PDB file of N, CA and C in Angstrom:
ATOM      1  N   MET A   1       1.486 -24.992  15.755  1.00  0.00           N
ATOM      2  CA  MET A   1       2.138 -24.381  14.622  1.00  0.00           C
ATOM      3  C   MET A   1       1.551 -22.988  14.406  1.00  0.00           C
ATOM      4  N   MET A   2       2.412 -22.021  14.182  1.00  0.00           N
ATOM      5  CA  MET A   2       1.963 -20.653  13.982  1.00  0.00           C
ATOM      6  C   MET A   2       2.047 -20.306  12.492  1.00  0.00           C
ATOM      7  N   THR A   3       1.006 -19.642  12.001  1.00  0.00           N
ATOM      8  CA  THR A   3       1.012 -19.199  10.606  1.00  0.00           C
ATOM      9  C   THR A   3       0.946 -17.678  10.579  1.00  0.00           C
ATOM     10  N   ILE A   4       1.402 -17.115   9.485  1.00  0.00           N
ATOM     11  CA  ILE A   4       1.388 -15.662   9.327  1.00  0.00           C
ATOM     12  C   ILE A   4       0.882 -15.340   7.926  1.00  0.00           C
ATOM     13  N   ASN A   5       0.094 -14.323   7.834  1.00  0.00           N
ATOM     14  CA  ASN A   5      -0.418 -13.889   6.538  1.00  0.00           C
ATOM     15  C   ASN A   5       0.739 -13.303   5.731  1.00  0.00           C
ATOM     16  N   VAL A   6       0.758 -13.569   4.438  1.00  0.00           N
ATOM     17  CA  VAL A   6       1.843 -13.114   3.576  1.00  0.00           C
ATOM     18  C   VAL A   6       1.898 -11.591   3.508  1.00  0.00           C
ATOM     19  N   GLY A   7       0.781 -10.921   3.666  1.00  0.00           N
ATOM     20  CA  GLY A   7       0.754  -9.465   3.579  1.00  0.00           C
ATOM     21  C   GLY A   7       1.197  -8.758   4.837  1.00  0.00           C
ATOM     22  N   VAL A   8       1.345  -9.484   5.936  1.00  0.00           N
ATOM     23  CA  VAL A   8       1.687  -8.838   7.202  1.00  0.00           C
ATOM     24  C   VAL A   8       3.121  -8.334   7.199  1.00  0.00           C
ATOM     25  N   LEU A   9       4.062  -9.130   6.737  1.00  0.00           N
ATOM     26  CA  LEU A   9       5.470  -8.717   6.760  1.00  0.00           C
ATOM     27  C   LEU A   9       5.729  -7.471   5.919  1.00  0.00           C
ATOM     28  N   PRO A  10       5.275  -7.414   4.659  1.00  0.00           N
ATOM     29  CA  PRO A  10       5.482  -6.153   3.915  1.00  0.00           C
ATOM     30  C   PRO A  10       4.776  -4.974   4.570  1.00  0.00           C
ATOM     31  N   ALA A  11       3.615  -5.201   5.172  1.00  0.00           N
ATOM     32  CA  ALA A  11       2.907  -4.101   5.843  1.00  0.00           C
ATOM     33  C   ALA A  11       3.717  -3.578   7.023  1.00  0.00           C
ATOM     34  N   ILE A  12       4.292  -4.471   7.794  1.00  0.00           N
ATOM     35  CA  ILE A  12       5.118  -4.056   8.937  1.00  0.00           C
ATOM     36  C   ILE A  12       6.336  -3.286   8.450  1.00  0.00           C
ATOM     37  N   ILE A  13       6.977  -3.776   7.386  1.00  0.00           N
ATOM     38  CA  ILE A  13       8.159  -3.088   6.849  1.00  0.00           C
ATOM     39  C   ILE A  13       7.798  -1.693   6.360  1.00  0.00           C
ATOM     40  N   VAL A  14       6.673  -1.569   5.661  1.00  0.00           N
ATOM     41  CA  VAL A  14       6.250  -0.259   5.147  1.00  0.00           C
ATOM     42  C   VAL A  14       5.970   0.698   6.298  1.00  0.00           C
ATOM     43  N   VAL A  15       5.254   0.237   7.309  1.00  0.00           N
ATOM     44  CA  VAL A  15       4.932   1.101   8.452  1.00  0.00           C
ATOM     45  C   VAL A  15       6.205   1.540   9.162  1.00  0.00           C
ATOM     46  N   MET A  16       7.130   0.626   9.376  1.00  0.00           N
ATOM     47  CA  MET A  16       8.372   0.986  10.064  1.00  0.00           C
ATOM     48  C   MET A  16       9.203   1.970   9.232  1.00  0.00           C
ATOM     49  N   ARG A  17       9.243   1.788   7.933  1.00  0.00           N
ATOM     50  CA  ARG A  17      10.025   2.691   7.088  1.00  0.00           C
ATOM     51  C   ARG A  17       9.387   4.076   7.011  1.00  0.00           C
ATOM     52  N   LEU A  18       8.063   4.140   7.024  1.00  0.00           N
ATOM     53  CA  LEU A  18       7.399   5.436   6.927  1.00  0.00           C
ATOM     54  C   LEU A  18       7.303   6.159   8.273  1.00  0.00           C
ATOM     55  N   ARG A  19       7.490   5.446   9.372  1.00  0.00           N
ATOM     56  CA  ARG A  19       7.439   6.069  10.692  1.00  0.00           C
ATOM     57  C   ARG A  19       8.699   6.849  11.023  1.00  0.00           C
ATOM     58  N   ARG A  20       9.794   6.560  10.323  1.00  0.00           N
ATOM     59  CA  ARG A  20      11.046   7.252  10.620  1.00  0.00           C
ATOM     60  C   ARG A  20      10.897   8.751  10.447  1.00  0.00           C
ATOM     61  N   ARG A  21      11.718   9.473  11.172  1.00  0.00           N
ATOM     62  CA  ARG A  21      11.711  10.923  11.029  1.00  0.00           C
ATOM     63  C   ARG A  21      12.087  11.303   9.618  1.00  0.00           C
ATOM     64  N   THR A  22      11.571  12.433   9.190  1.00  0.00           N
ATOM     65  CA  THR A  22      11.875  12.904   7.847  1.00  0.00           C
ATOM     66  C   THR A  22      13.321  13.372   7.811  1.00  0.00           C
ATOM     67  N   GLN A  23      14.110  12.680   7.064  1.00  0.00           N
ATOM     68  CA  GLN A  23      15.513  13.007   6.878  1.00  0.00           C
ATOM     69  C   GLN A  23      15.837  12.806   5.416  1.00  0.00           C
ATOM     70  N   THR A  24      16.987  13.267   5.036  1.00  0.00           N
ATOM     71  CA  THR A  24      17.396  12.980   3.675  1.00  0.00           C
ATOM     72  C   THR A  24      17.687  11.489   3.585  1.00  0.00           C
ATOM     73  N   ARG A  25      17.125  10.869   2.589  1.00  0.00           N
ATOM     74  CA  ARG A  25      17.310   9.436   2.403  1.00  0.00           C
ATOM     75  C   ARG A  25      17.992   9.198   1.072  1.00  0.00           C
ATOM     76  N   SER A  26      18.745   8.139   1.031  1.00  0.00           N
ATOM     77  CA  SER A  26      19.419   7.816  -0.221  1.00  0.00           C
ATOM     78  C   SER A  26      18.405   7.273  -1.222  1.00  0.00           C
ATOM     79  N   ARG A  27      18.801   7.285  -2.465  1.00  0.00           N
ATOM     80  CA  ARG A  27      17.920   6.763  -3.508  1.00  0.00           C
ATOM     81  C   ARG A  27      17.653   5.277  -3.308  1.00  0.00           C
ATOM     82  N   VAL A  28      18.610   4.558  -2.771  1.00  0.00           N
ATOM     83  CA  VAL A  28      18.439   3.127  -2.538  1.00  0.00           C
ATOM     84  C   VAL A  28      17.346   2.904  -1.494  1.00  0.00           C
ATOM     85  N   LYS A  29      17.355   3.685  -0.425  1.00  0.00           N
ATOM     86  CA  LYS A  29      16.326   3.540   0.612  1.00  0.00           C
ATOM     87  C   LYS A  29      14.947   3.900   0.067  1.00  0.00           C
ATOM     88  N   GLU A  30      14.880   4.953  -0.739  1.00  0.00           N
ATOM     89  CA  GLU A  30      13.608   5.336  -1.342  1.00  0.00           C
ATOM     90  C   GLU A  30      13.116   4.248  -2.302  1.00  0.00           C
ATOM     91  N   ARG A  31      14.016   3.687  -3.071  1.00  0.00           N
ATOM     92  CA  ARG A  31      13.664   2.621  -4.014  1.00  0.00           C
ATOM     93  C   ARG A  31      13.181   1.378  -3.263  1.00  0.00           C
ATOM     94  N   ASN A  32      13.846   1.045  -2.166  1.00  0.00           N
ATOM     95  CA  ASN A  32      13.422  -0.112  -1.374  1.00  0.00           C
ATOM     96  C   ASN A  32      12.036   0.107  -0.774  1.00  0.00           C
ATOM     97  N   THR A  33      11.774   1.310  -0.285  1.00  0.00           N
ATOM     98  CA  THR A  33      10.448   1.602   0.267  1.00  0.00           C
ATOM     99  C   THR A  33       9.386   1.462  -0.816  1.00  0.00           C
ATOM    100  N   ALA A  34       9.663   1.989  -1.993  1.00  0.00           N
ATOM    101  CA  ALA A  34       8.709   1.867  -3.100  1.00  0.00           C
ATOM    102  C   ALA A  34       8.505   0.398  -3.470  1.00  0.00           C
ATOM    103  N   PHE A  35       9.568  -0.396  -3.449  1.00  0.00           N
ATOM    104  CA  PHE A  35       9.460  -1.818  -3.751  1.00  0.00           C
ATOM    105  C   PHE A  35       8.564  -2.531  -2.739  1.00  0.00           C
ATOM    106  N   PHE A  36       8.752  -2.243  -1.444  1.00  0.00           N
ATOM    107  CA  PHE A  36       7.927  -2.879  -0.416  1.00  0.00           C
ATOM    108  C   PHE A  36       6.464  -2.470  -0.542  1.00  0.00           C
ATOM    109  N   ILE A  37       6.212  -1.223  -0.874  1.00  0.00           N
ATOM    110  CA  ILE A  37       4.826  -0.770  -1.052  1.00  0.00           C
ATOM    111  C   ILE A  37       4.200  -1.459  -2.266  1.00  0.00           C
ATOM    112  N   LEU A  38       4.953  -1.595  -3.344  1.00  0.00           N
ATOM    113  CA  LEU A  38       4.457  -2.305  -4.522  1.00  0.00           C
ATOM    114  C   LEU A  38       4.178  -3.769  -4.198  1.00  0.00           C
ATOM    115  N   ALA A  39       5.096  -4.417  -3.482  1.00  0.00           N
ATOM    116  CA  ALA A  39       4.904  -5.821  -3.105  1.00  0.00           C
ATOM    117  C   ALA A  39       3.673  -5.977  -2.214  1.00  0.00           C
ATOM    118  N   LEU A  40       3.476  -5.048  -1.291  1.00  0.00           N
ATOM    119  CA  LEU A  40       2.298  -5.093  -0.426  1.00  0.00           C
ATOM    120  C   LEU A  40       1.025  -4.952  -1.256  1.00  0.00           C
ATOM    121  N   GLY A  41       1.041  -4.062  -2.221  1.00  0.00           N
ATOM    122  CA  GLY A  41      -0.128  -3.886  -3.083  1.00  0.00           C
ATOM    123  C   GLY A  41      -0.439  -5.123  -3.896  1.00  0.00           C
ATOM    124  N   ILE A  42       0.602  -5.785  -4.384  1.00  0.00           N
ATOM    125  CA  ILE A  42       0.399  -7.000  -5.173  1.00  0.00           C
ATOM    126  C   ILE A  42      -0.168  -8.119  -4.301  1.00  0.00           C
ATOM    127  N   VAL A  43       0.289  -8.205  -3.060  1.00  0.00           N
ATOM    128  CA  VAL A  43      -0.188  -9.255  -2.158  1.00  0.00           C
ATOM    129  C   VAL A  43      -1.622  -8.984  -1.718  1.00  0.00           C
ATOM    130  N   ILE A  44      -1.965  -7.715  -1.485  1.00  0.00           N
ATOM    131  CA  ILE A  44      -3.294  -7.374  -0.973  1.00  0.00           C
ATOM    132  C   ILE A  44      -4.354  -7.362  -2.079  1.00  0.00           C
ATOM    133  N   ALA A  45      -3.960  -7.075  -3.316  1.00  0.00           N
ATOM    134  CA  ALA A  45      -4.925  -6.866  -4.407  1.00  0.00           C
ATOM    135  C   ALA A  45      -5.956  -7.977  -4.574  1.00  0.00           C
ATOM    136  N   PRO A  46      -5.588  -9.253  -4.589  1.00  0.00           N
ATOM    137  CA  PRO A  46      -6.608 -10.280  -4.834  1.00  0.00           C
ATOM    138  C   PRO A  46      -7.452 -10.633  -3.608  1.00  0.00           C
ATOM    139  N   THR A  47      -7.159 -10.060  -2.466  1.00  0.00           N
ATOM    140  CA  THR A  47      -7.908 -10.379  -1.249  1.00  0.00           C
ATOM    141  C   THR A  47      -9.191  -9.562  -1.184  1.00  0.00           C
ATOM    142  N   PRO A  48     -10.134  -9.975  -0.329  1.00  0.00           N
ATOM    143  CA  PRO A  48     -11.358  -9.176  -0.164  1.00  0.00           C
ATOM    144  C   PRO A  48     -11.064  -7.744   0.295  1.00  0.00           C
ATOM    145  N   LEU A  49     -10.047  -7.573   1.144  1.00  0.00           N
ATOM    146  CA  LEU A  49      -9.666  -6.225   1.583  1.00  0.00           C
ATOM    147  C   LEU A  49      -9.204  -5.397   0.396  1.00  0.00           C
ATOM    148  N   GLY A  50      -8.368  -5.980  -0.456  1.00  0.00           N
ATOM    149  CA  GLY A  50      -7.882  -5.269  -1.640  1.00  0.00           C
ATOM    150  C   GLY A  50      -9.007  -4.911  -2.593  1.00  0.00           C
ATOM    151  N   GLN A  51      -9.955  -5.823  -2.768  1.00  0.00           N
ATOM    152  CA  GLN A  51     -11.097  -5.548  -3.639  1.00  0.00           C
ATOM    153  C   GLN A  51     -11.976  -4.444  -3.055  1.00  0.00           C
ATOM    154  N   GLY A  52     -12.127  -4.425  -1.735  1.00  0.00           N
ATOM    155  CA  GLY A  52     -12.898  -3.361  -1.085  1.00  0.00           C
ATOM    156  C   GLY A  52     -12.245  -2.003  -1.272  1.00  0.00           C
ATOM    157  N   ILE A  53     -10.920  -1.951  -1.120  1.00  0.00           N
ATOM    158  CA  ILE A  53     -10.191  -0.697  -1.330  1.00  0.00           C
ATOM    159  C   ILE A  53     -10.335  -0.250  -2.783  1.00  0.00           C
ATOM    160  N   PHE A  54     -10.211  -1.210  -3.712  1.00  0.00           N
ATOM    161  CA  PHE A  54     -10.351  -0.889  -5.132  1.00  0.00           C
ATOM    162  C   PHE A  54     -11.735  -0.324  -5.425  1.00  0.00           C
ATOM    163  N   ASN A  55     -12.774  -0.938  -4.890  1.00  0.00           N
ATOM    164  CA  ASN A  55     -14.139  -0.460  -5.126  1.00  0.00           C
ATOM    165  C   ASN A  55     -14.362   0.926  -4.517  1.00  0.00           C
ATOM    166  N   ALA A  56     -13.790   1.164  -3.324  1.00  0.00           N
ATOM    167  CA  ALA A  56     -13.938   2.475  -2.685  1.00  0.00           C
ATOM    168  C   ALA A  56     -13.261   3.561  -3.527  1.00  0.00           C
ATOM    169  N   ILE A  57     -12.074   3.274  -4.030  1.00  0.00           N
ATOM    170  CA  ILE A  57     -11.368   4.246  -4.865  1.00  0.00           C
ATOM    171  C   ILE A  57     -12.122   4.464  -6.174  1.00  0.00           C
ATOM    172  N   LYS A  58     -12.660   3.386  -6.739  1.00  0.00           N
ATOM    173  CA  LYS A  58     -13.417   3.494  -7.982  1.00  0.00           C
ATOM    174  C   LYS A  58     -14.650   4.377  -7.788  1.00  0.00           C
ATOM    175  N   GLN A  59     -15.347   4.233  -6.668  1.00  0.00           N
ATOM    176  CA  GLN A  59     -16.516   5.062  -6.392  1.00  0.00           C
ATOM    177  C   GLN A  59     -16.117   6.514  -6.181  1.00  0.00           C
ATOM    178  N   LEU A  60     -14.998   6.731  -5.496  1.00  0.00           N
ATOM    179  CA  LEU A  60     -14.513   8.085  -5.264  1.00  0.00           C
ATOM    180  C   LEU A  60     -14.178   8.772  -6.585  1.00  0.00           C
ATOM    181  N   VAL A  61     -13.457   8.074  -7.450  1.00  0.00           N
ATOM    182  CA  VAL A  61     -13.096   8.642  -8.754  1.00  0.00           C
ATOM    183  C   VAL A  61     -14.345   8.886  -9.589  1.00  0.00           C
ATOM    184  N   SER A  62     -15.282   7.961  -9.536  1.00  0.00           N
ATOM    185  CA  SER A  62     -16.530   8.123 -10.277  1.00  0.00           C
ATOM    186  C   SER A  62     -17.293   9.352  -9.784  1.00  0.00           C
ATOM    187  N   GLY A  63     -17.348   9.545  -8.471  1.00  0.00           N
ATOM    188  CA  GLY A  63     -18.047  10.712  -7.908  1.00  0.00           C
ATOM    189  C   GLY A  63     -17.374  12.009  -8.285  1.00  0.00           C
ATOM    190  N   VAL A  64     -16.037  12.024  -8.266  1.00  0.00           N
ATOM    191  CA  VAL A  64     -15.309  13.231  -8.624  1.00  0.00           C
ATOM    192  C   VAL A  64     -15.488  13.548 -10.105  1.00  0.00           C
ATOM    193  N   SER A  65     -15.454  12.528 -10.958  1.00  0.00           N
ATOM    194  CA  SER A  65     -15.594  12.775 -12.386  1.00  0.00           C
ATOM    195  C   SER A  65     -17.014  13.233 -12.729  1.00  0.00           C
ATOM    196  N   GLN A  66     -18.026  12.734 -12.019  1.00  0.00           N
ATOM    197  CA  GLN A  66     -19.389  13.178 -12.255  1.00  0.00           C
ATOM    198  C   GLN A  66     -19.605  14.607 -11.742  1.00  0.00           C
ATOM    199  N   ALA A  67     -18.940  14.949 -10.655  1.00  0.00           N
ATOM    200  CA  ALA A  67     -19.064  16.308 -10.104  1.00  0.00           C
ATOM    201  C   ALA A  67     -18.350  17.317 -11.012  1.00  0.00           C
ATOM    202  N   ASP A  68     -17.360  16.851 -11.736  1.00  0.00           N
ATOM    203  CA  ASP A  68     -16.589  17.729 -12.609  1.00  0.00           C
ATOM    204  C   ASP A  68     -17.373  18.109 -13.865  1.00  0.00           C
ATOM    205  N   THR A  69     -18.266  17.243 -14.307  1.00  0.00           N
ATOM    206  CA  THR A  69     -18.998  17.517 -15.550  1.00  0.00           C
ATOM    207  C   THR A  69     -20.247  18.310 -15.324  1.00  0.00           C
TER     208      THR A  69
END
C-alpha cells in the first residue's frame, strides 16, 4: 500500500503553477493559485517543518526590528 503526505499534492500544484511562463493570467487562475498556497500553508503549519519556518521568520523579524532601533 502506498501512502502520500497531505502536503505533497498542494506543493506540487503550487510549483507547477508558478513554473509557468509569465503571461497575463485571469483573476480566476490567480485566485486558485492563492488558494493552493494558502491550503499548503495550513497543511504545513502544524508540522515540524512549518514550525521551523515560523521560528526562522520570527528570528529574522526580531533581528530586523532590533537593528532598526
